[in-house]
Amino acid sequence: MKRANLLTKLQKTGIVSVVRANTSDKAVKIADAVITGGITGIELTYTVPNADQVINELVERYQDTPEVIIGAGTVLDATSARLAIISGANFIVSPTFDTNVAKMCNLYQIPYIPGVFTPTEAQAALQAGSEVVKLFPGSLATPKTISEFKGPFPYINVMPSGGVNADNISDWFAAGAFVVGAGNSLVAPAQQNNFAGVTANAQAFMSKYHEIMSLA
């Protein structure tokens, strides 16, 4: 039940913020800014220095805010997955599918969301137990890709990531997205240390998301 509960919690966020930064401190500030803006799903990438420590810090910081869910992104191997999980990550995201990462996540009953772009990759991920796949890079696909995947795999859950913005998330959800991942279009102001700008972007994303859900 642990994994099912985490997947439900992840889906309820609607939007997962992909957090990348060149320092640990900046990554925390970005995550804080995003959460302040109302987005409660955080994918802290393993390109962040000391990513496992940052994950642990965020998990502890928001342990009394139950709607916040912290996961690890850009996880390329089972060792990194295990470190992230031990640090408190509640989901693991990869740009590609890796069998050993899938096995590690299954062992700990943690959702594994691997990147896929073809039906063959999607099938491999599903066979390994992934309940959600990451359509990546989303900027090279279209919302129609989700409906095409649901032809041969009617029960597949898809998280598009890359190329998702406040203007097109309605198209992704209309196509059947389980949740969406947003990166640069959301956190770009952080490049100039404009964390208030990140919060404003998060608020705009969530405003659009709530509008979509009210019409569903």
N, C-alpha and C. Protein backbone atom coordinates (compact mmCIF):
# COMPACT_ATOMS: atom_id res chain seq x y z
N MET A 1 0.82 -1.22 0.00
CA MET A 1 0.00 0.00 0.00
C MET A 1 0.85 1.26 0.00
N LYS A 2 2.10 1.14 0.49
CA LYS A 2 2.94 2.33 0.58
C LYS A 2 3.09 3.00 -0.78
N ARG A 3 3.42 2.21 -1.80
CA ARG A 3 3.65 2.78 -3.12
C ARG A 3 2.36 3.36 -3.69
N ALA A 4 1.26 2.67 -3.50
CA ALA A 4 -0.02 3.17 -4.00
C ALA A 4 -0.37 4.50 -3.36
N ASN A 5 -0.12 4.63 -2.06
CA ASN A 5 -0.41 5.88 -1.36
C ASN A 5 0.48 7.02 -1.86
N LEU A 6 1.73 6.69 -2.13
CA LEU A 6 2.65 7.71 -2.63
C LEU A 6 2.24 8.17 -4.04
N LEU A 7 1.78 7.23 -4.86
CA LEU A 7 1.34 7.58 -6.21
C LEU A 7 0.11 8.48 -6.16
N THR A 8 -0.80 8.19 -5.25
CA THR A 8 -1.99 9.02 -5.09
C THR A 8 -1.60 10.42 -4.66
N LYS A 9 -0.66 10.49 -3.72
CA LYS A 9 -0.19 11.79 -3.23
C LYS A 9 0.49 12.56 -4.35
N LEU A 10 1.27 11.86 -5.16
CA LEU A 10 1.96 12.50 -6.28
C LEU A 10 0.96 13.05 -7.29
N GLN A 11 -0.04 12.25 -7.61
CA GLN A 11 -1.04 12.69 -8.59
C GLN A 11 -1.79 13.92 -8.10
N LYS A 12 -2.04 13.99 -6.81
CA LYS A 12 -2.78 15.12 -6.26
C LYS A 12 -2.02 16.44 -6.38
N THR A 13 -0.69 16.36 -6.50
CA THR A 13 0.07 17.61 -6.66
C THR A 13 -0.25 18.27 -8.00
N GLY A 14 -0.55 17.45 -9.01
CA GLY A 14 -0.86 17.98 -10.34
C GLY A 14 0.38 18.35 -11.13
N ILE A 15 1.29 19.06 -10.48
CA ILE A 15 2.50 19.55 -11.12
C ILE A 15 3.72 19.21 -10.26
N VAL A 16 4.72 18.65 -10.89
CA VAL A 16 5.98 18.35 -10.20
C VAL A 16 7.05 19.31 -10.71
N SER A 17 7.66 20.03 -9.81
CA SER A 17 8.73 20.97 -10.19
C SER A 17 10.06 20.24 -10.26
N VAL A 18 10.72 20.34 -11.40
CA VAL A 18 12.06 19.77 -11.57
C VAL A 18 13.06 20.82 -11.10
N VAL A 19 13.79 20.50 -10.04
CA VAL A 19 14.72 21.46 -9.43
C VAL A 19 16.15 21.09 -9.75
N ARG A 20 16.81 21.96 -10.51
CA ARG A 20 18.23 21.82 -10.82
C ARG A 20 18.96 23.08 -10.34
N ALA A 21 20.16 22.91 -9.85
CA ALA A 21 20.94 24.07 -9.41
C ALA A 21 22.39 23.65 -9.30
N ASN A 22 23.29 24.64 -9.33
CA ASN A 22 24.71 24.32 -9.25
C ASN A 22 25.25 24.32 -7.83
N THR A 23 24.38 24.64 -6.85
CA THR A 23 24.76 24.53 -5.45
C THR A 23 23.59 23.96 -4.65
N SER A 24 23.90 23.33 -3.55
CA SER A 24 22.87 22.77 -2.69
C SER A 24 21.97 23.86 -2.12
N ASP A 25 22.59 24.95 -1.70
CA ASP A 25 21.84 26.04 -1.09
C ASP A 25 20.81 26.62 -2.07
N LYS A 26 21.24 26.78 -3.30
CA LYS A 26 20.33 27.35 -4.31
C LYS A 26 19.18 26.39 -4.60
N ALA A 27 19.46 25.10 -4.60
CA ALA A 27 18.42 24.11 -4.85
C ALA A 27 17.34 24.19 -3.77
N VAL A 28 17.76 24.35 -2.52
CA VAL A 28 16.81 24.47 -1.42
C VAL A 28 15.96 25.73 -1.58
N LYS A 29 16.60 26.82 -1.97
CA LYS A 29 15.87 28.07 -2.15
C LYS A 29 14.85 27.96 -3.28
N ILE A 30 15.21 27.26 -4.35
CA ILE A 30 14.27 27.07 -5.45
C ILE A 30 13.08 26.24 -4.99
N ALA A 31 13.37 25.15 -4.29
CA ALA A 31 12.29 24.29 -3.79
C ALA A 31 11.37 25.07 -2.86
N ASP A 32 11.95 25.85 -1.97
CA ASP A 32 11.14 26.67 -1.05
C ASP A 32 10.25 27.64 -1.83
N ALA A 33 10.82 28.27 -2.86
CA ALA A 33 10.06 29.24 -3.65
C ALA A 33 8.91 28.58 -4.38
N VAL A 34 9.16 27.40 -4.92
CA VAL A 34 8.12 26.67 -5.64
C VAL A 34 6.98 26.27 -4.70
N ILE A 35 7.35 25.75 -3.54
CA ILE A 35 6.34 25.31 -2.58
C ILE A 35 5.55 26.50 -2.05
N THR A 36 6.22 27.62 -1.83
CA THR A 36 5.53 28.84 -1.41
C THR A 36 4.48 29.24 -2.45
N GLY A 37 4.78 28.98 -3.72
CA GLY A 37 3.85 29.31 -4.79
C GLY A 37 2.72 28.31 -4.97
N GLY A 38 2.74 27.23 -4.19
CA GLY A 38 1.63 26.28 -4.22
C GLY A 38 1.89 24.96 -4.89
N ILE A 39 3.04 24.78 -5.50
CA ILE A 39 3.38 23.49 -6.11
C ILE A 39 4.05 22.62 -5.05
N THR A 40 3.47 21.47 -4.78
CA THR A 40 3.93 20.65 -3.65
C THR A 40 4.67 19.39 -4.07
N GLY A 41 4.88 19.20 -5.37
CA GLY A 41 5.67 18.07 -5.85
C GLY A 41 7.04 18.56 -6.27
N ILE A 42 8.10 18.02 -5.67
CA ILE A 42 9.46 18.45 -5.95
C ILE A 42 10.29 17.27 -6.43
N GLU A 43 10.90 17.41 -7.60
CA GLU A 43 11.84 16.43 -8.13
C GLU A 43 13.23 17.05 -8.08
N LEU A 44 13.99 16.70 -7.06
CA LEU A 44 15.33 17.25 -6.86
C LEU A 44 16.31 16.39 -7.65
N THR A 45 16.92 16.97 -8.67
CA THR A 45 17.74 16.17 -9.57
C THR A 45 19.09 15.82 -8.96
N TYR A 46 19.62 14.69 -9.41
CA TYR A 46 20.92 14.25 -8.92
C TYR A 46 22.08 15.01 -9.55
N THR A 47 21.78 15.99 -10.39
CA THR A 47 22.82 16.89 -10.89
C THR A 47 23.15 17.96 -9.86
N VAL A 48 22.31 18.09 -8.83
CA VAL A 48 22.57 19.03 -7.73
C VAL A 48 23.67 18.45 -6.84
N PRO A 49 24.68 19.23 -6.49
CA PRO A 49 25.73 18.73 -5.59
C PRO A 49 25.13 18.23 -4.27
N ASN A 50 25.61 17.07 -3.82
CA ASN A 50 25.14 16.49 -2.56
C ASN A 50 23.62 16.33 -2.56
N ALA A 51 23.10 15.83 -3.67
CA ALA A 51 21.65 15.74 -3.85
C ALA A 51 20.96 14.97 -2.72
N ASP A 52 21.58 13.88 -2.27
CA ASP A 52 20.94 13.09 -1.22
C ASP A 52 20.79 13.90 0.07
N GLN A 53 21.78 14.74 0.37
CA GLN A 53 21.69 15.58 1.57
C GLN A 53 20.62 16.66 1.42
N VAL A 54 20.49 17.19 0.20
CA VAL A 54 19.46 18.20 -0.05
C VAL A 54 18.07 17.57 0.08
N ILE A 55 17.92 16.37 -0.44
CA ILE A 55 16.64 15.66 -0.31
C ILE A 55 16.29 15.48 1.16
N ASN A 56 17.27 15.05 1.94
CA ASN A 56 17.04 14.84 3.37
C ASN A 56 16.65 16.13 4.06
N GLU A 57 17.32 17.23 3.70
CA GLU A 57 17.00 18.53 4.29
C GLU A 57 15.57 18.95 3.96
N LEU A 58 15.17 18.76 2.71
CA LEU A 58 13.82 19.15 2.31
C LEU A 58 12.77 18.26 2.96
N VAL A 59 13.05 16.97 3.05
CA VAL A 59 12.11 16.05 3.69
C VAL A 59 11.88 16.45 5.14
N GLU A 60 12.96 16.76 5.84
CA GLU A 60 12.84 17.17 7.24
C GLU A 60 12.13 18.52 7.37
N ARG A 61 12.43 19.44 6.46
CA ARG A 61 11.86 20.78 6.51
C ARG A 61 10.34 20.73 6.33
N TYR A 62 9.86 19.81 5.49
CA TYR A 62 8.44 19.78 5.17
C TYR A 62 7.72 18.55 5.73
N GLN A 63 8.32 17.95 6.77
CA GLN A 63 7.71 16.75 7.32
C GLN A 63 6.35 17.02 7.97
N ASP A 64 6.10 18.27 8.34
CA ASP A 64 4.81 18.62 8.93
C ASP A 64 3.86 19.25 7.91
N THR A 65 4.23 19.18 6.64
CA THR A 65 3.38 19.67 5.56
C THR A 65 3.06 18.47 4.67
N PRO A 66 2.03 17.72 5.02
CA PRO A 66 1.79 16.41 4.39
C PRO A 66 1.54 16.43 2.90
N GLU A 67 1.10 17.58 2.36
CA GLU A 67 0.83 17.62 0.92
C GLU A 67 2.12 17.70 0.09
N VAL A 68 3.23 18.04 0.74
CA VAL A 68 4.51 18.13 0.02
C VAL A 68 5.10 16.74 -0.14
N ILE A 69 5.56 16.43 -1.37
CA ILE A 69 6.21 15.15 -1.63
C ILE A 69 7.52 15.43 -2.35
N ILE A 70 8.59 14.88 -1.81
CA ILE A 70 9.94 15.12 -2.33
C ILE A 70 10.46 13.86 -3.00
N GLY A 71 10.90 14.00 -4.24
CA GLY A 71 11.47 12.87 -4.95
C GLY A 71 12.83 13.22 -5.52
N ALA A 72 13.49 12.23 -6.11
CA ALA A 72 14.80 12.41 -6.72
C ALA A 72 14.68 12.25 -8.23
N GLY A 73 15.36 13.12 -8.97
CA GLY A 73 15.35 13.05 -10.42
C GLY A 73 16.73 12.81 -10.99
N THR A 74 16.79 12.51 -12.28
CA THR A 74 18.04 12.22 -12.98
C THR A 74 18.81 11.12 -12.24
N VAL A 75 18.08 10.11 -11.82
CA VAL A 75 18.69 8.97 -11.13
C VAL A 75 19.07 7.93 -12.19
N LEU A 76 20.37 7.67 -12.33
CA LEU A 76 20.86 6.86 -13.43
C LEU A 76 21.29 5.45 -13.03
N ASP A 77 21.38 5.19 -11.73
CA ASP A 77 21.86 3.88 -11.30
C ASP A 77 21.22 3.51 -9.97
N ALA A 78 21.30 2.22 -9.63
CA ALA A 78 20.65 1.70 -8.43
C ALA A 78 21.25 2.27 -7.15
N THR A 79 22.57 2.52 -7.16
CA THR A 79 23.21 3.07 -5.96
C THR A 79 22.65 4.45 -5.63
N SER A 80 22.53 5.28 -6.65
CA SER A 80 21.96 6.62 -6.44
C SER A 80 20.51 6.52 -5.97
N ALA A 81 19.78 5.58 -6.54
CA ALA A 81 18.38 5.39 -6.14
C ALA A 81 18.29 5.02 -4.66
N ARG A 82 19.15 4.10 -4.23
CA ARG A 82 19.13 3.68 -2.83
C ARG A 82 19.51 4.83 -1.90
N LEU A 83 20.52 5.60 -2.26
CA LEU A 83 20.91 6.75 -1.44
C LEU A 83 19.77 7.75 -1.33
N ALA A 84 19.09 8.00 -2.44
CA ALA A 84 17.97 8.93 -2.43
C ALA A 84 16.84 8.43 -1.55
N ILE A 85 16.53 7.15 -1.66
CA ILE A 85 15.44 6.57 -0.88
C ILE A 85 15.77 6.60 0.61
N ILE A 86 17.00 6.25 0.96
CA ILE A 86 17.43 6.29 2.36
C ILE A 86 17.37 7.71 2.90
N SER A 87 17.60 8.69 2.01
CA SER A 87 17.55 10.10 2.42
C SER A 87 16.13 10.63 2.53
N GLY A 88 15.16 9.81 2.12
CA GLY A 88 13.76 10.19 2.29
C GLY A 88 12.98 10.42 1.01
N ALA A 89 13.60 10.22 -0.16
CA ALA A 89 12.89 10.44 -1.42
C ALA A 89 11.68 9.51 -1.51
N ASN A 90 10.54 10.08 -1.92
CA ASN A 90 9.31 9.30 -2.00
C ASN A 90 8.95 8.88 -3.42
N PHE A 91 9.78 9.26 -4.37
CA PHE A 91 9.67 8.74 -5.74
C PHE A 91 10.98 8.96 -6.44
N ILE A 92 11.23 8.16 -7.46
CA ILE A 92 12.48 8.22 -8.22
C ILE A 92 12.15 8.43 -9.69
N VAL A 93 12.83 9.40 -10.30
CA VAL A 93 12.61 9.71 -11.72
C VAL A 93 13.93 9.59 -12.46
N SER A 94 13.87 8.99 -13.65
CA SER A 94 15.06 8.84 -14.49
C SER A 94 14.75 9.35 -15.90
N PRO A 95 15.78 9.78 -16.63
CA PRO A 95 15.56 10.18 -18.02
C PRO A 95 15.37 9.00 -18.95
N THR A 96 15.82 7.81 -18.49
CA THR A 96 15.69 6.58 -19.26
C THR A 96 15.23 5.46 -18.32
N PHE A 97 14.98 4.28 -18.89
CA PHE A 97 14.60 3.13 -18.06
C PHE A 97 15.83 2.31 -17.71
N ASP A 98 15.95 1.93 -16.45
CA ASP A 98 17.05 1.10 -16.00
C ASP A 98 16.50 -0.03 -15.12
N THR A 99 16.77 -1.26 -15.50
CA THR A 99 16.23 -2.42 -14.79
C THR A 99 16.66 -2.45 -13.33
N ASN A 100 17.91 -2.14 -13.07
CA ASN A 100 18.41 -2.21 -11.69
C ASN A 100 17.80 -1.14 -10.81
N VAL A 101 17.55 0.04 -11.37
CA VAL A 101 16.87 1.08 -10.60
C VAL A 101 15.44 0.64 -10.30
N ALA A 102 14.79 0.01 -11.27
CA ALA A 102 13.43 -0.49 -11.06
C ALA A 102 13.41 -1.51 -9.93
N LYS A 103 14.38 -2.43 -9.92
CA LYS A 103 14.43 -3.45 -8.87
C LYS A 103 14.65 -2.82 -7.49
N MET A 104 15.52 -1.81 -7.43
CA MET A 104 15.78 -1.14 -6.16
C MET A 104 14.52 -0.46 -5.64
N CYS A 105 13.81 0.22 -6.53
CA CYS A 105 12.59 0.91 -6.12
C CYS A 105 11.51 -0.09 -5.70
N ASN A 106 11.43 -1.20 -6.40
CA ASN A 106 10.47 -2.24 -6.02
C ASN A 106 10.79 -2.78 -4.63
N LEU A 107 12.07 -2.94 -4.35
CA LEU A 107 12.49 -3.46 -3.04
C LEU A 107 12.01 -2.57 -1.91
N TYR A 108 12.06 -1.25 -2.13
CA TYR A 108 11.69 -0.29 -1.10
C TYR A 108 10.24 0.21 -1.24
N GLN A 109 9.52 -0.33 -2.23
CA GLN A 109 8.13 0.07 -2.47
C GLN A 109 8.00 1.57 -2.72
N ILE A 110 8.92 2.07 -3.55
CA ILE A 110 8.95 3.48 -3.94
C ILE A 110 8.62 3.58 -5.43
N PRO A 111 7.73 4.49 -5.83
CA PRO A 111 7.42 4.64 -7.25
C PRO A 111 8.66 4.98 -8.08
N TYR A 112 8.80 4.27 -9.20
CA TYR A 112 9.88 4.54 -10.15
C TYR A 112 9.26 5.05 -11.44
N ILE A 113 9.65 6.27 -11.85
CA ILE A 113 9.10 6.92 -13.04
C ILE A 113 10.23 7.08 -14.06
N PRO A 114 10.40 6.09 -14.93
CA PRO A 114 11.49 6.16 -15.91
C PRO A 114 11.09 6.93 -17.16
N GLY A 115 12.08 7.53 -17.79
CA GLY A 115 11.83 8.23 -19.03
C GLY A 115 11.65 7.26 -20.19
N VAL A 116 10.62 7.47 -20.98
CA VAL A 116 10.37 6.65 -22.17
C VAL A 116 10.00 7.58 -23.33
N PHE A 117 10.22 7.08 -24.55
CA PHE A 117 9.81 7.86 -25.72
C PHE A 117 9.21 6.97 -26.80
N THR A 118 9.33 5.65 -26.61
CA THR A 118 8.79 4.72 -27.60
C THR A 118 7.92 3.68 -26.91
N PRO A 119 7.04 3.01 -27.65
CA PRO A 119 6.23 1.94 -27.08
C PRO A 119 7.08 0.81 -26.50
N THR A 120 8.20 0.51 -27.14
CA THR A 120 9.07 -0.54 -26.63
C THR A 120 9.60 -0.20 -25.24
N GLU A 121 10.03 1.04 -25.09
CA GLU A 121 10.52 1.49 -23.78
C GLU A 121 9.40 1.50 -22.75
N ALA A 122 8.23 1.93 -23.16
CA ALA A 122 7.09 1.95 -22.25
C ALA A 122 6.75 0.54 -21.77
N GLN A 123 6.76 -0.42 -22.69
CA GLN A 123 6.45 -1.80 -22.31
C GLN A 123 7.47 -2.35 -21.33
N ALA A 124 8.74 -2.07 -21.56
CA ALA A 124 9.79 -2.54 -20.65
C ALA A 124 9.59 -1.98 -19.25
N ALA A 125 9.23 -0.70 -19.17
CA ALA A 125 9.01 -0.06 -17.87
C ALA A 125 7.80 -0.67 -17.16
N LEU A 126 6.73 -0.88 -17.90
CA LEU A 126 5.53 -1.46 -17.31
C LEU A 126 5.80 -2.88 -16.81
N GLN A 127 6.53 -3.65 -17.59
CA GLN A 127 6.84 -5.03 -17.19
C GLN A 127 7.70 -5.07 -15.94
N ALA A 128 8.48 -4.01 -15.71
CA ALA A 128 9.34 -3.95 -14.52
C ALA A 128 8.61 -3.39 -13.31
N GLY A 129 7.33 -3.05 -13.49
CA GLY A 129 6.54 -2.62 -12.34
C GLY A 129 6.29 -1.14 -12.21
N SER A 130 6.71 -0.33 -13.18
CA SER A 130 6.48 1.12 -13.10
C SER A 130 5.01 1.43 -13.37
N GLU A 131 4.36 2.10 -12.44
CA GLU A 131 2.97 2.48 -12.62
C GLU A 131 2.82 3.78 -13.41
N VAL A 132 3.90 4.57 -13.44
CA VAL A 132 3.90 5.84 -14.17
C VAL A 132 5.18 5.90 -14.99
N VAL A 133 5.08 6.39 -16.23
CA VAL A 133 6.27 6.61 -17.04
C VAL A 133 6.39 8.09 -17.35
N LYS A 134 7.61 8.53 -17.54
CA LYS A 134 7.89 9.93 -17.87
C LYS A 134 8.07 10.05 -19.38
N LEU A 135 7.20 10.80 -20.03
CA LEU A 135 7.36 11.06 -21.45
C LEU A 135 8.43 12.14 -21.61
N PHE A 136 9.60 11.72 -22.09
CA PHE A 136 10.74 12.63 -22.12
C PHE A 136 11.59 12.39 -23.36
N PRO A 137 12.03 13.47 -24.02
CA PRO A 137 11.69 14.87 -23.69
C PRO A 137 10.33 15.26 -24.24
N GLY A 138 9.51 15.84 -23.38
CA GLY A 138 8.17 16.24 -23.78
C GLY A 138 8.18 17.30 -24.87
N SER A 139 9.27 18.06 -24.93
CA SER A 139 9.37 19.12 -25.94
C SER A 139 9.45 18.55 -27.36
N LEU A 140 9.82 17.29 -27.49
CA LEU A 140 9.91 16.65 -28.79
C LEU A 140 8.65 15.83 -29.11
N ALA A 141 7.76 15.74 -28.15
CA ALA A 141 6.51 15.01 -28.33
C ALA A 141 5.36 16.02 -28.36
N THR A 142 4.16 15.51 -28.40
CA THR A 142 2.96 16.35 -28.32
C THR A 142 1.99 15.66 -27.39
N PRO A 143 0.98 16.38 -26.89
CA PRO A 143 -0.02 15.73 -26.06
C PRO A 143 -0.65 14.49 -26.72
N LYS A 144 -0.73 14.49 -28.03
CA LYS A 144 -1.31 13.36 -28.75
C LYS A 144 -0.52 12.07 -28.50
N THR A 145 0.76 12.22 -28.15
CA THR A 145 1.58 11.05 -27.87
C THR A 145 0.97 10.22 -26.74
N ILE A 146 0.39 10.88 -25.75
CA ILE A 146 -0.22 10.16 -24.63
C ILE A 146 -1.36 9.28 -25.13
N SER A 147 -2.23 9.84 -25.93
CA SER A 147 -3.36 9.05 -26.44
C SER A 147 -2.88 7.91 -27.34
N GLU A 148 -1.77 8.13 -28.05
CA GLU A 148 -1.21 7.06 -28.88
C GLU A 148 -0.67 5.93 -28.00
N PHE A 149 -0.02 6.28 -26.89
CA PHE A 149 0.46 5.26 -25.95
C PHE A 149 -0.70 4.47 -25.35
N LYS A 150 -1.79 5.17 -25.08
CA LYS A 150 -2.93 4.52 -24.43
C LYS A 150 -3.69 3.58 -25.38
N GLY A 151 -3.32 3.59 -26.66
CA GLY A 151 -3.90 2.62 -27.59
C GLY A 151 -3.48 1.21 -27.21
N PRO A 152 -2.18 0.90 -27.30
CA PRO A 152 -1.72 -0.44 -26.91
C PRO A 152 -1.62 -0.65 -25.40
N PHE A 153 -1.50 0.46 -24.65
CA PHE A 153 -1.36 0.36 -23.19
C PHE A 153 -2.45 1.22 -22.53
N PRO A 154 -3.69 0.76 -22.52
CA PRO A 154 -4.81 1.60 -22.07
C PRO A 154 -4.72 2.06 -20.62
N TYR A 155 -3.94 1.36 -19.80
CA TYR A 155 -3.88 1.71 -18.38
C TYR A 155 -2.59 2.43 -18.01
N ILE A 156 -1.82 2.84 -19.00
CA ILE A 156 -0.55 3.51 -18.71
C ILE A 156 -0.80 4.91 -18.14
N ASN A 157 0.02 5.27 -17.16
CA ASN A 157 -0.03 6.62 -16.58
C ASN A 157 1.22 7.37 -17.06
N VAL A 158 1.02 8.56 -17.61
CA VAL A 158 2.12 9.29 -18.23
C VAL A 158 2.33 10.65 -17.57
N MET A 159 3.61 10.94 -17.27
CA MET A 159 4.01 12.26 -16.78
C MET A 159 4.88 12.91 -17.84
N PRO A 160 4.32 13.83 -18.65
CA PRO A 160 5.18 14.55 -19.60
C PRO A 160 6.12 15.48 -18.85
N SER A 161 7.36 15.56 -19.32
CA SER A 161 8.34 16.43 -18.68
C SER A 161 9.29 16.96 -19.75
N GLY A 162 9.51 18.27 -19.71
CA GLY A 162 10.29 18.92 -20.74
C GLY A 162 9.35 19.57 -21.74
N GLY A 163 9.40 20.87 -21.83
CA GLY A 163 8.51 21.57 -22.75
C GLY A 163 7.12 21.86 -22.20
N VAL A 164 6.90 21.52 -20.93
CA VAL A 164 5.60 21.79 -20.30
C VAL A 164 5.62 23.21 -19.73
N ASN A 165 4.59 23.99 -20.02
CA ASN A 165 4.50 25.34 -19.48
C ASN A 165 3.06 25.67 -19.13
N ALA A 166 2.85 26.84 -18.53
CA ALA A 166 1.51 27.22 -18.07
C ALA A 166 0.52 27.36 -19.21
N ASP A 167 1.02 27.58 -20.41
CA ASP A 167 0.13 27.77 -21.56
C ASP A 167 -0.32 26.45 -22.17
N ASN A 168 0.46 25.37 -21.98
CA ASN A 168 0.07 24.12 -22.63
C ASN A 168 -0.31 22.99 -21.68
N ILE A 169 -0.29 23.24 -20.36
CA ILE A 169 -0.62 22.13 -19.46
C ILE A 169 -2.07 21.68 -19.64
N SER A 170 -2.95 22.58 -20.07
CA SER A 170 -4.33 22.16 -20.30
C SER A 170 -4.40 21.12 -21.41
N ASP A 171 -3.53 21.26 -22.43
CA ASP A 171 -3.49 20.28 -23.52
C ASP A 171 -2.99 18.93 -23.03
N TRP A 172 -1.99 18.97 -22.15
CA TRP A 172 -1.45 17.71 -21.63
C TRP A 172 -2.48 16.98 -20.76
N PHE A 173 -3.18 17.72 -19.91
CA PHE A 173 -4.18 17.07 -19.06
C PHE A 173 -5.37 16.60 -19.88
N ALA A 174 -5.74 17.36 -20.89
CA ALA A 174 -6.83 16.94 -21.76
C ALA A 174 -6.48 15.64 -22.47
N ALA A 175 -5.19 15.43 -22.72
CA ALA A 175 -4.74 14.22 -23.40
C ALA A 175 -4.63 13.03 -22.44
N GLY A 176 -4.78 13.30 -21.13
CA GLY A 176 -4.76 12.21 -20.17
C GLY A 176 -3.54 12.11 -19.29
N ALA A 177 -2.77 13.21 -19.16
CA ALA A 177 -1.58 13.18 -18.31
C ALA A 177 -1.94 12.84 -16.87
N PHE A 178 -1.14 12.00 -16.24
CA PHE A 178 -1.33 11.62 -14.84
C PHE A 178 -0.93 12.77 -13.93
N VAL A 179 0.16 13.43 -14.30
CA VAL A 179 0.72 14.58 -13.62
C VAL A 179 1.71 15.17 -14.62
N VAL A 180 2.11 16.42 -14.47
CA VAL A 180 3.09 16.99 -15.40
C VAL A 180 4.33 17.43 -14.64
N GLY A 181 5.47 17.36 -15.33
CA GLY A 181 6.72 17.85 -14.77
C GLY A 181 7.12 19.15 -15.44
N ALA A 182 7.46 20.15 -14.65
CA ALA A 182 7.82 21.46 -15.19
C ALA A 182 9.20 21.85 -14.70
N GLY A 183 10.04 22.25 -15.64
CA GLY A 183 11.41 22.61 -15.29
C GLY A 183 11.71 24.06 -15.52
N ASN A 184 12.42 24.36 -16.60
CA ASN A 184 12.92 25.72 -16.83
C ASN A 184 11.80 26.75 -16.96
N SER A 185 10.68 26.35 -17.56
CA SER A 185 9.58 27.31 -17.71
C SER A 185 9.04 27.77 -16.36
N LEU A 186 9.30 26.99 -15.33
CA LEU A 186 8.84 27.31 -13.98
C LEU A 186 9.92 28.01 -13.16
N VAL A 187 11.13 27.50 -13.18
CA VAL A 187 12.16 27.97 -12.24
C VAL A 187 13.23 28.85 -12.88
N ALA A 188 13.06 29.25 -14.14
CA ALA A 188 14.07 30.04 -14.83
C ALA A 188 14.50 31.31 -14.07
N PRO A 189 13.60 32.03 -13.40
CA PRO A 189 14.04 33.24 -12.69
C PRO A 189 15.13 32.99 -11.65
N ALA A 190 15.26 31.75 -11.20
CA ALA A 190 16.28 31.44 -10.20
C ALA A 190 17.69 31.61 -10.76
N GLN A 191 17.82 31.60 -12.08
CA GLN A 191 19.14 31.81 -12.69
C GLN A 191 19.69 33.19 -12.32
N GLN A 192 18.78 34.13 -12.08
CA GLN A 192 19.18 35.47 -11.64
C GLN A 192 18.91 35.67 -10.15
N ASN A 193 18.78 34.55 -9.44
CA ASN A 193 18.48 34.57 -8.00
C ASN A 193 17.17 35.29 -7.69
N ASN A 194 16.26 35.26 -8.65
CA ASN A 194 14.95 35.88 -8.47
C ASN A 194 13.97 34.81 -7.99
N PHE A 195 14.02 34.51 -6.72
CA PHE A 195 13.19 33.44 -6.18
C PHE A 195 11.73 33.87 -6.05
N ALA A 196 11.50 35.17 -5.91
CA ALA A 196 10.13 35.68 -5.92
C ALA A 196 9.49 35.42 -7.29
N GLY A 197 10.32 35.50 -8.34
CA GLY A 197 9.83 35.21 -9.68
C GLY A 197 9.45 33.74 -9.83
N VAL A 198 10.21 32.87 -9.18
CA VAL A 198 9.88 31.44 -9.19
C VAL A 198 8.54 31.20 -8.51
N THR A 199 8.35 31.87 -7.37
CA THR A 199 7.08 31.74 -6.65
C THR A 199 5.92 32.23 -7.51
N ALA A 200 6.13 33.36 -8.19
CA ALA A 200 5.07 33.89 -9.06
C ALA A 200 4.74 32.92 -10.19
N ASN A 201 5.76 32.30 -10.77
CA ASN A 201 5.53 31.31 -11.81
C ASN A 201 4.75 30.11 -11.27
N ALA A 202 5.13 29.67 -10.07
CA ALA A 202 4.43 28.53 -9.45
C ALA A 202 2.96 28.87 -9.23
N GLN A 203 2.70 30.07 -8.79
CA GLN A 203 1.31 30.50 -8.58
C GLN A 203 0.54 30.51 -9.90
N ALA A 204 1.19 30.95 -10.97
CA ALA A 204 0.54 30.97 -12.29
C ALA A 204 0.24 29.55 -12.77
N PHE A 205 1.20 28.64 -12.56
CA PHE A 205 0.99 27.24 -12.93
C PHE A 205 -0.20 26.66 -12.16
N MET A 206 -0.22 26.90 -10.85
CA MET A 206 -1.28 26.31 -10.03
C MET A 206 -2.63 26.93 -10.32
N SER A 207 -2.64 28.21 -10.63
CA SER A 207 -3.90 28.86 -11.01
C SER A 207 -4.48 28.20 -12.25
N LYS A 208 -3.61 27.93 -13.22
CA LYS A 208 -4.05 27.27 -14.45
C LYS A 208 -4.50 25.84 -14.15
N TYR A 209 -3.76 25.16 -13.29
CA TYR A 209 -4.10 23.77 -12.94
C TYR A 209 -5.47 23.71 -12.26
N HIS A 210 -5.72 24.60 -11.32
CA HIS A 210 -7.01 24.60 -10.63
C HIS A 210 -8.16 24.93 -11.59
N GLU A 211 -7.87 25.79 -12.55
CA GLU A 211 -8.87 26.11 -13.58
C GLU A 211 -9.20 24.85 -14.39
N ILE A 212 -8.16 24.11 -14.75
CA ILE A 212 -8.35 22.86 -15.51
C ILE A 212 -9.19 21.87 -14.73
N MET A 213 -8.84 21.70 -13.46
CA MET A 213 -9.54 20.73 -12.63
C MET A 213 -10.99 21.13 -12.38
N SER A 214 -11.25 22.42 -12.32
CA SER A 214 -12.63 22.87 -12.08
C SER A 214 -13.53 22.59 -13.27
N LEU A 215 -12.92 22.42 -14.45
CA LEU A 215 -13.69 22.15 -15.65
C LEU A 215 -13.75 20.66 -15.98
N ALA A 216 -12.98 19.87 -15.21
CA ALA A 216 -12.92 18.43 -15.51
C ALA A 216 -14.22 17.73 -15.14
